Structure formats: C-alpha cells, structure tokens
C-alpha cells in the first residue's frame, strides 16, 4: 500500500487533482489541526485563499469519544440519527452538548484566527479539506455550514476516506476528491509515513500568510 510521506505530500497530490479550478474565485477551508497543512499546500499551489472551519464532534453520553454527530460554527448539526435512536439519546442532551461545543468552537476560532472577520463564501468555489476522514461527522457538519452561505460550488477534497462516506457525501456536494477510498477503513494515520501531531502554533503561523 502506497503511503503519503506526510500531510504536505497529501496536499500536493490533492492540488494536482484540483488544477482545473485554478484561476477561479476559490477558497480552501481546512479543518484544524492536521487539515491546515493539507489545505496550505492546495492554496499555495493554486493561488487560492485559505481559512479554517472548526467543527466539533458531539460525543455520546456513555462515551464522549464515541461521536454521534458534529456541530459547525453557525450551529449547523450533522447527527447520526440511527445511533441516536439505538442509544435512546435525548434531544435535551444533544442541545446541551451543542451549546457546550459551540463555546469551544468560538474559543478555538479566536485562538487560531484572532478577531479577523470570516471570509464571505457566497458565489465562491469552496474546497473543504482535512488530512483524512474517519467517521465523517465533522466534514458533514462543515458542508452544512458552507452550503448555508450560498457558494457557487462546494468541493470536498481529502487524501483518504471510507468508501461509505464518499457514497453519502457525493449527493451533498458538487465534487468529491479522495485520493484513496477504502473499505474496511481503520485509522487515518495508517496511510502516512509521518503523521506527527500538528500544533496550535503551526495553525496560527500558516494562517498569518493569508
């Protein structure tokens, strides 16, 4: 199995697949922290803008690490309805978690971006990226956030994703690019030679260039 050397390598390979959009009014929205390095390579290669979107997963009451969905900065929610029903998770719990995670989103956006106004996405080509997809919850919430702002085109571009996710997301956006699409899918890190954790400082430093 061919591995990406690192997130820079993955970003460069995605940029090649996105060449047809060069010259368009486009912006890359990366999910931090790892997605910012991928997004930076795409934006640099194609002379696009770059910013971040900070969705947060909603954990289940029994296990906070087990995601039942995710929420985006504007409160857009993607919920796994089957899981919610199976575990009998109440609407009150979900609302409470959403409120909590929105405060964390605001805090993180301020850390990474300061007080810079968020770019207008209307009539732009918007490319949502990350360093890979596991459950897909955060990207699904990000898609809702982007589409609420009426872009001319919404694209999801990721290095690796489960084929089940690609099937779901293809009907939600204008274009999906996944360099590797697999089933069964295990960990994103398995597809990289180097998958060191990206720091907050790296995210802040990259954003200062845009």
N, C-alpha and C. Protein backbone atom coordinates (compact mmCIF):
# COMPACT_ATOMS: atom_id res chain seq x y z
N UNK A 1 0.84 -1.20 0.00
CA UNK A 1 0.00 0.00 0.00
C UNK A 1 0.88 1.25 0.00
N UNK A 2 0.65 2.12 -0.99
CA UNK A 2 1.42 3.37 -1.06
C UNK A 2 0.99 4.29 0.07
N UNK A 3 1.98 4.85 0.77
CA UNK A 3 1.69 5.78 1.87
C UNK A 3 2.01 7.20 1.43
N UNK A 4 1.29 8.17 1.98
CA UNK A 4 1.68 9.56 1.83
C UNK A 4 2.91 9.78 2.70
N UNK A 5 3.89 10.54 2.20
CA UNK A 5 5.07 10.82 3.03
C UNK A 5 4.64 11.56 4.30
N UNK A 6 3.79 12.57 4.11
CA UNK A 6 3.28 13.38 5.21
C UNK A 6 2.11 14.19 4.69
N UNK A 7 1.62 15.13 5.48
CA UNK A 7 0.45 15.92 5.06
C UNK A 7 0.80 16.85 3.90
N UNK A 8 2.04 17.30 3.82
CA UNK A 8 2.46 18.16 2.70
C UNK A 8 2.34 17.40 1.38
N UNK A 9 2.83 16.17 1.38
CA UNK A 9 2.75 15.30 0.20
C UNK A 9 1.28 15.10 -0.20
N UNK A 10 0.42 14.81 0.79
CA UNK A 10 -1.01 14.59 0.51
C UNK A 10 -1.63 15.86 -0.10
N UNK A 11 -1.28 17.02 0.45
CA UNK A 11 -1.82 18.29 -0.05
C UNK A 11 -1.39 18.57 -1.49
N UNK A 12 -0.13 18.27 -1.79
CA UNK A 12 0.36 18.49 -3.16
C UNK A 12 -0.36 17.58 -4.15
N UNK A 13 -0.60 16.33 -3.75
CA UNK A 13 -1.32 15.40 -4.64
C UNK A 13 -2.76 15.85 -4.86
N UNK A 14 -3.39 16.38 -3.82
CA UNK A 14 -4.76 16.90 -3.97
C UNK A 14 -4.78 18.13 -4.88
N UNK A 15 -3.76 18.98 -4.74
CA UNK A 15 -3.68 20.19 -5.58
C UNK A 15 -3.66 19.82 -7.06
N UNK A 16 -2.96 18.74 -7.39
CA UNK A 16 -2.90 18.30 -8.79
C UNK A 16 -4.29 17.94 -9.30
N UNK A 17 -5.08 17.31 -8.46
CA UNK A 17 -6.44 16.90 -8.85
C UNK A 17 -7.39 18.10 -8.97
N UNK A 18 -6.99 19.23 -8.37
CA UNK A 18 -7.85 20.42 -8.35
C UNK A 18 -7.42 21.48 -9.36
N UNK A 19 -6.44 21.13 -10.20
CA UNK A 19 -5.86 22.09 -11.15
C UNK A 19 -6.91 22.77 -12.03
N UNK A 20 -7.98 22.03 -12.38
CA UNK A 20 -8.98 22.60 -13.30
C UNK A 20 -9.69 23.81 -12.71
N UNK A 21 -9.58 23.99 -11.39
CA UNK A 21 -10.24 25.13 -10.74
C UNK A 21 -9.30 26.34 -10.60
N UNK A 22 -8.06 26.20 -11.03
CA UNK A 22 -7.10 27.31 -10.92
C UNK A 22 -7.63 28.54 -11.66
N UNK A 23 -7.48 29.70 -11.04
CA UNK A 23 -7.97 30.93 -11.67
C UNK A 23 -9.38 31.30 -11.27
N UNK A 24 -10.07 30.37 -10.59
CA UNK A 24 -11.43 30.68 -10.14
C UNK A 24 -11.39 31.42 -8.79
N UNK A 25 -12.50 32.05 -8.46
CA UNK A 25 -12.62 32.72 -7.16
C UNK A 25 -12.88 31.63 -6.12
N UNK A 26 -11.81 31.14 -5.52
CA UNK A 26 -11.93 29.95 -4.67
C UNK A 26 -11.22 30.15 -3.34
N UNK A 27 -11.70 29.42 -2.35
CA UNK A 27 -11.07 29.43 -1.02
C UNK A 27 -11.06 28.00 -0.49
N UNK A 28 -9.98 27.67 0.19
CA UNK A 28 -9.86 26.37 0.85
C UNK A 28 -10.22 26.56 2.32
N UNK A 29 -11.14 25.76 2.82
CA UNK A 29 -11.47 25.76 4.25
C UNK A 29 -10.94 24.46 4.84
N UNK A 30 -9.95 24.58 5.71
CA UNK A 30 -9.31 23.40 6.30
C UNK A 30 -9.82 23.16 7.71
N UNK A 31 -9.94 21.88 8.07
CA UNK A 31 -10.33 21.52 9.43
C UNK A 31 -9.05 21.32 10.23
N UNK A 32 -8.83 22.16 11.26
CA UNK A 32 -7.60 22.02 12.04
C UNK A 32 -7.71 20.85 13.02
N UNK A 33 -6.55 20.30 13.44
CA UNK A 33 -5.31 20.96 13.12
C UNK A 33 -4.63 20.38 11.87
N UNK A 34 -4.67 19.06 11.70
CA UNK A 34 -3.95 18.42 10.60
C UNK A 34 -4.34 18.90 9.22
N UNK A 35 -5.62 19.25 9.06
CA UNK A 35 -6.10 19.68 7.74
C UNK A 35 -5.48 20.97 7.25
N UNK A 36 -4.96 21.79 8.17
CA UNK A 36 -4.40 23.08 7.76
C UNK A 36 -3.16 22.89 6.89
N UNK A 37 -2.38 21.86 7.16
CA UNK A 37 -1.16 21.62 6.38
C UNK A 37 -1.54 21.15 4.97
N UNK A 38 -2.52 20.27 4.88
CA UNK A 38 -3.03 19.83 3.59
C UNK A 38 -3.60 21.03 2.82
N UNK A 39 -4.43 21.82 3.51
CA UNK A 39 -5.07 22.99 2.89
C UNK A 39 -4.07 24.03 2.42
N UNK A 40 -3.01 24.23 3.18
CA UNK A 40 -1.97 25.20 2.83
C UNK A 40 -1.32 24.83 1.51
N UNK A 41 -1.04 23.54 1.31
CA UNK A 41 -0.43 23.09 0.05
C UNK A 41 -1.36 23.31 -1.13
N UNK A 42 -2.64 23.03 -0.94
CA UNK A 42 -3.62 23.24 -2.02
C UNK A 42 -3.68 24.74 -2.36
N UNK A 43 -3.83 25.57 -1.32
CA UNK A 43 -3.98 27.02 -1.52
C UNK A 43 -2.73 27.63 -2.18
N UNK A 44 -1.54 27.22 -1.72
CA UNK A 44 -0.29 27.75 -2.30
C UNK A 44 -0.15 27.34 -3.76
N UNK A 45 -0.44 26.08 -4.05
CA UNK A 45 -0.26 25.56 -5.42
C UNK A 45 -1.19 26.24 -6.40
N UNK A 46 -2.40 26.58 -5.96
CA UNK A 46 -3.42 27.08 -6.89
C UNK A 46 -3.74 28.57 -6.69
N UNK A 47 -2.98 29.22 -5.81
CA UNK A 47 -3.20 30.65 -5.52
C UNK A 47 -4.62 30.94 -5.05
N UNK A 48 -5.10 30.09 -4.14
CA UNK A 48 -6.42 30.27 -3.53
C UNK A 48 -6.26 30.89 -2.14
N UNK A 49 -7.36 31.42 -1.61
CA UNK A 49 -7.37 31.83 -0.22
C UNK A 49 -7.39 30.59 0.67
N UNK A 50 -7.07 30.79 1.94
CA UNK A 50 -7.13 29.69 2.91
C UNK A 50 -7.67 30.22 4.23
N UNK A 51 -8.58 29.48 4.81
CA UNK A 51 -9.05 29.77 6.16
C UNK A 51 -9.39 28.44 6.82
N UNK A 52 -9.89 28.52 8.02
CA UNK A 52 -10.24 27.28 8.73
C UNK A 52 -11.72 27.25 9.05
N UNK A 53 -12.21 26.04 9.23
CA UNK A 53 -13.54 25.83 9.79
C UNK A 53 -13.33 24.87 10.96
N UNK A 54 -13.94 25.19 12.09
CA UNK A 54 -13.73 24.37 13.29
C UNK A 54 -15.04 23.70 13.69
N UNK A 55 -15.33 22.53 13.10
CA UNK A 55 -16.48 21.77 13.60
C UNK A 55 -16.04 21.00 14.85
N UNK A 56 -16.99 20.59 15.66
CA UNK A 56 -16.67 19.79 16.85
C UNK A 56 -17.59 18.58 16.90
N UNK A 57 -17.03 17.45 17.23
CA UNK A 57 -17.87 16.26 17.32
C UNK A 57 -18.73 16.33 18.58
N UNK A 58 -19.89 15.71 18.52
CA UNK A 58 -20.78 15.58 19.67
C UNK A 58 -20.63 14.14 20.17
N UNK A 59 -20.10 13.99 21.38
CA UNK A 59 -19.88 12.66 21.93
C UNK A 59 -21.14 12.11 22.58
N UNK A 60 -21.22 10.79 22.66
CA UNK A 60 -22.40 10.17 23.29
C UNK A 60 -22.32 10.31 24.80
N UNK A 61 -23.45 10.23 25.50
CA UNK A 61 -23.44 10.36 26.97
C UNK A 61 -22.62 9.25 27.64
N UNK A 62 -22.64 8.05 27.06
CA UNK A 62 -21.93 6.91 27.66
C UNK A 62 -20.42 6.98 27.41
N UNK A 63 -20.04 7.51 26.24
CA UNK A 63 -18.62 7.55 25.87
C UNK A 63 -18.36 8.81 25.05
N UNK A 64 -17.77 9.85 25.67
CA UNK A 64 -17.55 11.12 24.97
C UNK A 64 -16.70 10.99 23.71
N UNK A 65 -15.89 9.93 23.63
CA UNK A 65 -15.04 9.74 22.44
C UNK A 65 -15.83 9.15 21.27
N UNK A 66 -17.00 8.60 21.55
CA UNK A 66 -17.82 7.99 20.51
C UNK A 66 -18.75 9.07 19.93
N UNK A 67 -18.50 9.46 18.68
CA UNK A 67 -19.25 10.58 18.09
C UNK A 67 -20.63 10.14 17.61
N UNK A 68 -21.62 10.94 17.99
CA UNK A 68 -22.98 10.71 17.47
C UNK A 68 -23.32 11.77 16.41
N UNK A 69 -22.39 12.69 16.20
CA UNK A 69 -22.59 13.75 15.22
C UNK A 69 -21.55 14.83 15.40
N UNK A 70 -21.81 15.99 14.79
CA UNK A 70 -20.89 17.12 14.91
C UNK A 70 -21.66 18.41 14.70
N UNK A 71 -21.06 19.51 15.16
CA UNK A 71 -21.68 20.83 15.01
C UNK A 71 -20.65 21.78 14.40
N UNK A 72 -21.12 22.68 13.52
CA UNK A 72 -20.27 23.67 12.86
C UNK A 72 -20.43 25.03 13.55
N UNK A 73 -19.56 26.00 13.20
CA UNK A 73 -19.56 27.30 13.90
C UNK A 73 -20.89 28.05 13.91
N UNK A 74 -21.73 27.85 12.89
CA UNK A 74 -23.02 28.57 12.85
C UNK A 74 -24.14 27.76 13.51
N UNK A 75 -23.78 26.63 14.15
CA UNK A 75 -24.79 25.80 14.79
C UNK A 75 -25.36 24.72 13.89
N UNK A 76 -24.87 24.64 12.63
CA UNK A 76 -25.29 23.56 11.73
C UNK A 76 -24.88 22.22 12.35
N UNK A 77 -25.82 21.27 12.36
CA UNK A 77 -25.57 19.99 13.03
C UNK A 77 -25.70 18.84 12.04
N UNK A 78 -24.79 17.90 12.15
CA UNK A 78 -24.92 16.62 11.44
C UNK A 78 -25.02 15.55 12.51
N UNK A 79 -26.16 14.86 12.57
CA UNK A 79 -26.37 13.82 13.59
C UNK A 79 -26.52 12.46 12.93
N UNK A 80 -25.93 11.45 13.55
CA UNK A 80 -26.15 10.07 13.11
C UNK A 80 -27.46 9.59 13.75
N UNK A 81 -28.54 9.78 13.01
CA UNK A 81 -29.88 9.52 13.56
C UNK A 81 -30.05 8.06 14.02
N UNK A 82 -29.45 7.13 13.29
CA UNK A 82 -29.56 5.72 13.67
C UNK A 82 -28.94 5.48 15.04
N UNK A 83 -27.77 6.06 15.27
CA UNK A 83 -27.08 5.89 16.56
C UNK A 83 -27.88 6.56 17.68
N UNK A 84 -28.41 7.75 17.40
CA UNK A 84 -29.21 8.48 18.39
C UNK A 84 -30.41 7.63 18.82
N UNK A 85 -31.08 7.02 17.83
CA UNK A 85 -32.24 6.18 18.14
C UNK A 85 -31.82 4.91 18.90
N UNK A 86 -30.78 4.26 18.42
CA UNK A 86 -30.32 3.00 19.02
C UNK A 86 -29.99 3.18 20.49
N UNK A 87 -29.33 4.29 20.82
CA UNK A 87 -28.90 4.51 22.21
C UNK A 87 -29.88 5.35 23.02
N UNK A 88 -30.99 5.72 22.38
CA UNK A 88 -32.01 6.49 23.09
C UNK A 88 -31.50 7.81 23.63
N UNK A 89 -30.72 8.51 22.82
CA UNK A 89 -30.11 9.78 23.26
C UNK A 89 -31.14 10.90 23.13
N UNK A 90 -31.34 11.62 24.21
CA UNK A 90 -32.41 12.63 24.25
C UNK A 90 -32.05 13.91 23.49
N UNK A 91 -33.08 14.61 23.06
CA UNK A 91 -32.88 15.89 22.38
C UNK A 91 -32.28 16.91 23.35
N UNK A 92 -32.67 16.82 24.61
CA UNK A 92 -32.14 17.75 25.63
C UNK A 92 -30.63 17.58 25.77
N UNK A 93 -30.18 16.32 25.76
CA UNK A 93 -28.72 16.06 25.86
C UNK A 93 -28.01 16.65 24.65
N UNK A 94 -28.56 16.40 23.46
CA UNK A 94 -27.93 16.89 22.22
C UNK A 94 -27.83 18.41 22.23
N UNK A 95 -28.94 19.07 22.61
CA UNK A 95 -28.94 20.55 22.65
C UNK A 95 -27.90 21.08 23.62
N UNK A 96 -27.79 20.44 24.77
CA UNK A 96 -26.82 20.86 25.79
C UNK A 96 -25.39 20.70 25.27
N UNK A 97 -25.12 19.57 24.58
CA UNK A 97 -23.77 19.33 24.04
C UNK A 97 -23.45 20.30 22.92
N UNK A 98 -24.44 20.59 22.10
CA UNK A 98 -24.23 21.55 21.00
C UNK A 98 -23.83 22.91 21.57
N UNK A 99 -24.54 23.36 22.59
CA UNK A 99 -24.24 24.66 23.23
C UNK A 99 -22.80 24.68 23.76
N UNK A 100 -22.43 23.58 24.42
CA UNK A 100 -21.09 23.45 25.00
C UNK A 100 -20.02 23.49 23.89
N UNK A 101 -20.25 22.72 22.82
CA UNK A 101 -19.26 22.65 21.75
C UNK A 101 -19.17 23.95 20.96
N UNK A 102 -20.28 24.69 20.85
CA UNK A 102 -20.23 25.99 20.16
C UNK A 102 -19.33 26.97 20.90
N UNK A 103 -19.34 26.89 22.23
CA UNK A 103 -18.44 27.76 23.01
C UNK A 103 -16.98 27.39 22.76
N UNK A 104 -16.72 26.08 22.65
CA UNK A 104 -15.36 25.61 22.37
C UNK A 104 -14.93 26.00 20.95
N UNK A 105 -15.87 25.95 20.00
CA UNK A 105 -15.57 26.38 18.63
C UNK A 105 -15.16 27.85 18.62
N UNK A 106 -15.94 28.67 19.32
CA UNK A 106 -15.65 30.11 19.38
C UNK A 106 -14.27 30.36 19.97
N UNK A 107 -13.96 29.64 21.05
CA UNK A 107 -12.66 29.78 21.71
C UNK A 107 -11.51 29.42 20.76
N UNK A 108 -11.69 28.31 20.05
CA UNK A 108 -10.62 27.86 19.14
C UNK A 108 -10.47 28.78 17.94
N UNK A 109 -11.59 29.26 17.40
CA UNK A 109 -11.52 30.18 16.26
C UNK A 109 -10.75 31.45 16.66
N UNK A 110 -10.97 31.91 17.88
CA UNK A 110 -10.27 33.12 18.35
C UNK A 110 -8.78 32.84 18.53
N UNK A 111 -8.44 31.66 19.05
CA UNK A 111 -7.02 31.30 19.21
C UNK A 111 -6.32 31.28 17.85
N UNK A 112 -6.95 30.64 16.88
CA UNK A 112 -6.31 30.45 15.57
C UNK A 112 -6.37 31.69 14.69
N UNK A 113 -7.48 32.44 14.76
CA UNK A 113 -7.71 33.50 13.78
C UNK A 113 -7.69 34.89 14.37
N UNK A 114 -7.68 35.00 15.71
CA UNK A 114 -7.80 36.32 16.32
C UNK A 114 -9.18 36.89 16.04
N UNK A 115 -9.25 38.19 15.77
CA UNK A 115 -10.56 38.83 15.51
C UNK A 115 -10.83 39.07 14.03
N UNK A 116 -10.04 38.42 13.18
CA UNK A 116 -10.20 38.60 11.74
C UNK A 116 -11.61 38.17 11.30
N UNK A 117 -12.32 39.00 10.51
CA UNK A 117 -13.66 38.59 10.09
C UNK A 117 -13.60 37.36 9.19
N UNK A 118 -14.61 36.51 9.31
CA UNK A 118 -14.62 35.29 8.50
C UNK A 118 -14.92 35.67 7.05
N UNK A 119 -14.23 35.04 6.08
CA UNK A 119 -14.45 35.42 4.67
C UNK A 119 -15.87 35.11 4.19
N UNK A 120 -16.34 35.93 3.27
CA UNK A 120 -17.65 35.66 2.67
C UNK A 120 -17.49 34.52 1.66
N UNK A 121 -18.38 33.54 1.74
CA UNK A 121 -18.29 32.37 0.87
C UNK A 121 -19.27 32.43 -0.30
N UNK A 122 -20.17 33.39 -0.26
CA UNK A 122 -21.19 33.49 -1.31
C UNK A 122 -20.55 33.61 -2.69
N UNK A 123 -21.03 32.79 -3.62
CA UNK A 123 -20.56 32.77 -5.02
C UNK A 123 -19.10 32.36 -5.20
N UNK A 124 -18.49 31.82 -4.18
CA UNK A 124 -17.11 31.32 -4.30
C UNK A 124 -17.12 29.80 -4.49
N UNK A 125 -16.05 29.29 -5.07
CA UNK A 125 -15.79 27.85 -5.05
C UNK A 125 -15.15 27.56 -3.69
N UNK A 126 -15.78 26.72 -2.90
CA UNK A 126 -15.28 26.42 -1.55
C UNK A 126 -14.82 24.97 -1.51
N UNK A 127 -13.55 24.79 -1.13
CA UNK A 127 -12.97 23.45 -1.03
C UNK A 127 -12.76 23.12 0.44
N UNK A 128 -13.49 22.13 0.93
CA UNK A 128 -13.35 21.69 2.32
C UNK A 128 -12.33 20.56 2.36
N UNK A 129 -11.33 20.67 3.25
CA UNK A 129 -10.31 19.63 3.30
C UNK A 129 -9.92 19.29 4.74
N UNK A 130 -9.36 18.08 4.87
CA UNK A 130 -8.80 17.61 6.14
C UNK A 130 -7.69 16.63 5.78
N UNK A 131 -7.00 16.09 6.78
CA UNK A 131 -5.92 15.14 6.45
C UNK A 131 -6.44 13.72 6.25
N UNK A 132 -7.75 13.55 6.36
CA UNK A 132 -8.39 12.26 6.14
C UNK A 132 -9.74 12.25 6.81
N UNK A 133 -10.54 11.25 6.49
CA UNK A 133 -11.88 11.13 7.06
C UNK A 133 -11.98 9.80 7.79
N UNK A 134 -12.46 9.83 9.02
CA UNK A 134 -12.72 8.59 9.76
C UNK A 134 -14.24 8.37 9.78
N UNK A 135 -14.94 9.04 10.71
CA UNK A 135 -16.41 8.88 10.75
C UNK A 135 -17.10 9.81 9.74
N UNK A 136 -16.46 10.96 9.45
CA UNK A 136 -17.06 11.91 8.51
C UNK A 136 -17.97 12.93 9.15
N UNK A 137 -18.23 12.81 10.45
CA UNK A 137 -19.17 13.73 11.11
C UNK A 137 -18.77 15.20 10.96
N UNK A 138 -17.48 15.48 11.17
CA UNK A 138 -17.06 16.89 11.15
C UNK A 138 -17.16 17.48 9.74
N UNK A 139 -16.87 16.67 8.73
CA UNK A 139 -16.99 17.19 7.35
C UNK A 139 -18.45 17.39 6.98
N UNK A 140 -19.32 16.49 7.42
CA UNK A 140 -20.76 16.64 7.11
C UNK A 140 -21.31 17.93 7.71
N UNK A 141 -20.91 18.24 8.96
CA UNK A 141 -21.35 19.50 9.59
C UNK A 141 -20.75 20.70 8.85
N UNK A 142 -19.50 20.56 8.39
CA UNK A 142 -18.84 21.64 7.65
C UNK A 142 -19.55 21.91 6.32
N UNK A 143 -20.01 20.85 5.67
CA UNK A 143 -20.74 21.02 4.40
C UNK A 143 -22.01 21.84 4.63
N UNK A 144 -22.75 21.53 5.69
CA UNK A 144 -23.98 22.29 6.01
C UNK A 144 -23.64 23.77 6.22
N UNK A 145 -22.57 24.02 6.97
CA UNK A 145 -22.13 25.39 7.24
C UNK A 145 -21.84 26.13 5.94
N UNK A 146 -21.08 25.49 5.05
CA UNK A 146 -20.69 26.13 3.78
C UNK A 146 -21.92 26.37 2.90
N UNK A 147 -22.76 25.36 2.75
CA UNK A 147 -23.91 25.49 1.85
C UNK A 147 -24.90 26.55 2.32
N UNK A 148 -24.96 26.79 3.63
CA UNK A 148 -25.83 27.86 4.16
C UNK A 148 -25.41 29.23 3.65
N UNK A 149 -24.15 29.33 3.17
CA UNK A 149 -23.63 30.63 2.74
C UNK A 149 -23.62 30.79 1.22
N UNK A 150 -24.30 29.89 0.53
CA UNK A 150 -24.55 30.02 -0.92
C UNK A 150 -23.27 30.14 -1.78
N UNK A 151 -22.36 29.19 -1.67
CA UNK A 151 -21.19 29.21 -2.56
C UNK A 151 -21.61 28.85 -3.98
N UNK A 152 -20.77 29.16 -4.96
CA UNK A 152 -21.08 28.75 -6.34
C UNK A 152 -20.85 27.25 -6.50
N UNK A 153 -19.90 26.71 -5.74
CA UNK A 153 -19.61 25.28 -5.81
C UNK A 153 -19.01 24.83 -4.49
N UNK A 154 -19.41 23.65 -4.01
CA UNK A 154 -18.84 23.07 -2.79
C UNK A 154 -18.11 21.79 -3.16
N UNK A 155 -16.83 21.73 -2.78
CA UNK A 155 -15.99 20.58 -3.11
C UNK A 155 -15.41 20.01 -1.82
N UNK A 156 -15.41 18.70 -1.68
CA UNK A 156 -14.71 18.05 -0.57
C UNK A 156 -13.48 17.36 -1.18
N UNK A 157 -12.30 17.69 -0.66
CA UNK A 157 -11.05 17.10 -1.17
C UNK A 157 -10.24 16.57 0.00
N UNK A 158 -10.07 15.26 0.05
CA UNK A 158 -9.35 14.63 1.18
C UNK A 158 -8.39 13.56 0.66
N UNK A 159 -7.32 13.31 1.41
CA UNK A 159 -6.37 12.28 0.97
C UNK A 159 -6.93 10.87 1.05
N UNK A 160 -7.70 10.59 2.10
CA UNK A 160 -8.17 9.22 2.31
C UNK A 160 -9.52 9.24 3.04
N UNK A 161 -10.40 8.30 2.65
CA UNK A 161 -11.73 8.26 3.26
C UNK A 161 -12.34 6.88 3.05
N UNK A 162 -13.28 6.50 3.93
CA UNK A 162 -14.02 5.25 3.71
C UNK A 162 -14.96 5.39 2.51
N UNK A 163 -15.14 4.30 1.75
CA UNK A 163 -16.00 4.38 0.58
C UNK A 163 -17.45 4.68 0.95
N UNK A 164 -17.89 4.24 2.15
CA UNK A 164 -19.25 4.54 2.60
C UNK A 164 -19.47 6.04 2.76
N UNK A 165 -18.46 6.75 3.25
CA UNK A 165 -18.55 8.21 3.41
C UNK A 165 -18.65 8.87 2.04
N UNK A 166 -17.84 8.43 1.10
CA UNK A 166 -17.86 9.03 -0.24
C UNK A 166 -19.24 8.88 -0.87
N UNK A 167 -19.84 7.73 -0.69
CA UNK A 167 -21.19 7.50 -1.24
C UNK A 167 -22.19 8.48 -0.65
N UNK A 168 -22.10 8.74 0.65
CA UNK A 168 -23.03 9.67 1.32
C UNK A 168 -22.80 11.10 0.85
N UNK A 169 -21.54 11.50 0.84
CA UNK A 169 -21.23 12.91 0.62
C UNK A 169 -21.37 13.32 -0.85
N UNK A 170 -21.27 12.36 -1.75
CA UNK A 170 -21.35 12.68 -3.19
C UNK A 170 -22.67 13.35 -3.57
N UNK A 171 -23.73 13.00 -2.86
CA UNK A 171 -25.04 13.61 -3.18
C UNK A 171 -25.22 14.97 -2.51
N UNK A 172 -24.28 15.34 -1.64
CA UNK A 172 -24.43 16.59 -0.88
C UNK A 172 -23.63 17.75 -1.46
N UNK A 173 -22.59 17.44 -2.24
CA UNK A 173 -21.69 18.49 -2.76
C UNK A 173 -21.56 18.36 -4.28
N UNK A 174 -20.87 19.34 -4.88
CA UNK A 174 -20.73 19.34 -6.33
C UNK A 174 -19.62 18.40 -6.81
N UNK A 175 -18.61 18.21 -5.95
CA UNK A 175 -17.48 17.36 -6.36
C UNK A 175 -16.82 16.79 -5.11
N UNK A 176 -16.40 15.52 -5.22
CA UNK A 176 -15.66 14.88 -4.13
C UNK A 176 -14.38 14.30 -4.70
N UNK A 177 -13.26 14.62 -4.06
CA UNK A 177 -11.98 14.03 -4.44
C UNK A 177 -11.42 13.31 -3.23
N UNK A 178 -11.16 12.03 -3.39
CA UNK A 178 -10.47 11.26 -2.35
C UNK A 178 -9.39 10.46 -3.05
N UNK A 179 -8.13 10.68 -2.67
CA UNK A 179 -7.03 10.01 -3.35
C UNK A 179 -7.03 8.51 -3.07
N UNK A 180 -7.51 8.14 -1.88
CA UNK A 180 -7.66 6.73 -1.52
C UNK A 180 -9.04 6.54 -0.91
N UNK A 181 -9.78 5.59 -1.44
CA UNK A 181 -11.11 5.30 -0.91
C UNK A 181 -11.16 3.82 -0.56
N UNK A 182 -11.38 3.52 0.71
CA UNK A 182 -11.20 2.15 1.19
C UNK A 182 -12.37 1.64 2.02
N UNK A 183 -12.51 0.36 2.04
CA UNK A 183 -13.44 -0.32 2.94
C UNK A 183 -12.90 -1.73 3.14
N UNK A 184 -12.70 -2.25 4.33
CA UNK A 184 -12.94 -1.57 5.61
C UNK A 184 -11.90 -0.48 5.86
N UNK A 185 -12.27 0.48 6.70
CA UNK A 185 -11.39 1.61 6.99
C UNK A 185 -11.00 1.56 8.46
N UNK A 186 -9.72 1.77 8.74
CA UNK A 186 -9.27 1.74 10.13
C UNK A 186 -8.84 3.14 10.57
N UNK A 187 -7.56 3.42 10.63
CA UNK A 187 -7.11 4.74 11.12
C UNK A 187 -6.50 5.56 9.99
N UNK A 188 -6.72 6.87 10.03
CA UNK A 188 -6.12 7.77 9.04
C UNK A 188 -4.59 7.65 9.08
N UNK A 189 -4.04 7.55 10.28
CA UNK A 189 -2.57 7.54 10.46
C UNK A 189 -1.90 6.39 9.71
N UNK A 190 -2.64 5.30 9.45
CA UNK A 190 -2.07 4.14 8.75
C UNK A 190 -1.66 4.46 7.32
N UNK A 191 -2.14 5.59 6.79
CA UNK A 191 -1.89 5.92 5.39
C UNK A 191 -0.77 6.96 5.23
N UNK A 192 -0.08 7.25 6.32
CA UNK A 192 1.01 8.23 6.30
C UNK A 192 2.29 7.62 6.88
N UNK A 193 3.43 7.95 6.25
CA UNK A 193 4.73 7.58 6.85
C UNK A 193 4.96 8.44 8.10
N UNK A 194 4.64 9.72 7.98
CA UNK A 194 4.82 10.65 9.09
C UNK A 194 3.48 11.31 9.40
N UNK A 195 2.97 11.08 10.60
CA UNK A 195 1.67 11.63 10.98
C UNK A 195 1.79 12.31 12.35
N UNK A 196 2.84 13.12 12.47
CA UNK A 196 3.05 13.84 13.74
C UNK A 196 1.91 14.81 13.98
N UNK A 197 1.61 15.01 15.25
CA UNK A 197 0.52 15.92 15.60
C UNK A 197 0.87 17.35 15.18
N UNK A 198 -0.10 18.03 14.60
CA UNK A 198 0.07 19.44 14.24
C UNK A 198 -0.25 20.28 15.48
N UNK A 199 0.56 21.32 15.72
CA UNK A 199 0.37 22.15 16.91
C UNK A 199 -0.50 23.37 16.62
N UNK A 200 -1.04 23.96 17.66
CA UNK A 200 -1.79 25.22 17.52
C UNK A 200 -0.90 26.29 16.89
N UNK A 201 0.37 26.29 17.30
CA UNK A 201 1.32 27.30 16.78
C UNK A 201 1.47 27.19 15.26
N UNK A 202 1.50 25.94 14.77
CA UNK A 202 1.62 25.75 13.31
C UNK A 202 0.39 26.29 12.59
N UNK A 203 -0.78 26.04 13.15
CA UNK A 203 -2.03 26.53 12.54
C UNK A 203 -2.00 28.05 12.46
N UNK A 204 -1.66 28.70 13.57
CA UNK A 204 -1.62 30.16 13.64
C UNK A 204 -0.61 30.72 12.65
N UNK A 205 0.57 30.08 12.58
CA UNK A 205 1.65 30.54 11.69
C UNK A 205 1.23 30.45 10.22
N UNK A 206 0.58 29.35 9.83
CA UNK A 206 0.15 29.19 8.43
C UNK A 206 -0.92 30.23 8.08
N UNK A 207 -1.88 30.44 8.98
CA UNK A 207 -2.97 31.39 8.70
C UNK A 207 -2.46 32.83 8.53
N UNK A 208 -1.36 33.13 9.18
CA UNK A 208 -0.81 34.50 9.07
C UNK A 208 -0.35 34.82 7.66
N UNK A 209 -0.14 33.79 6.84
CA UNK A 209 0.33 34.01 5.47
C UNK A 209 -0.80 34.34 4.50
N UNK A 210 -2.04 34.35 5.00
CA UNK A 210 -3.19 34.54 4.10
C UNK A 210 -4.00 35.76 4.50
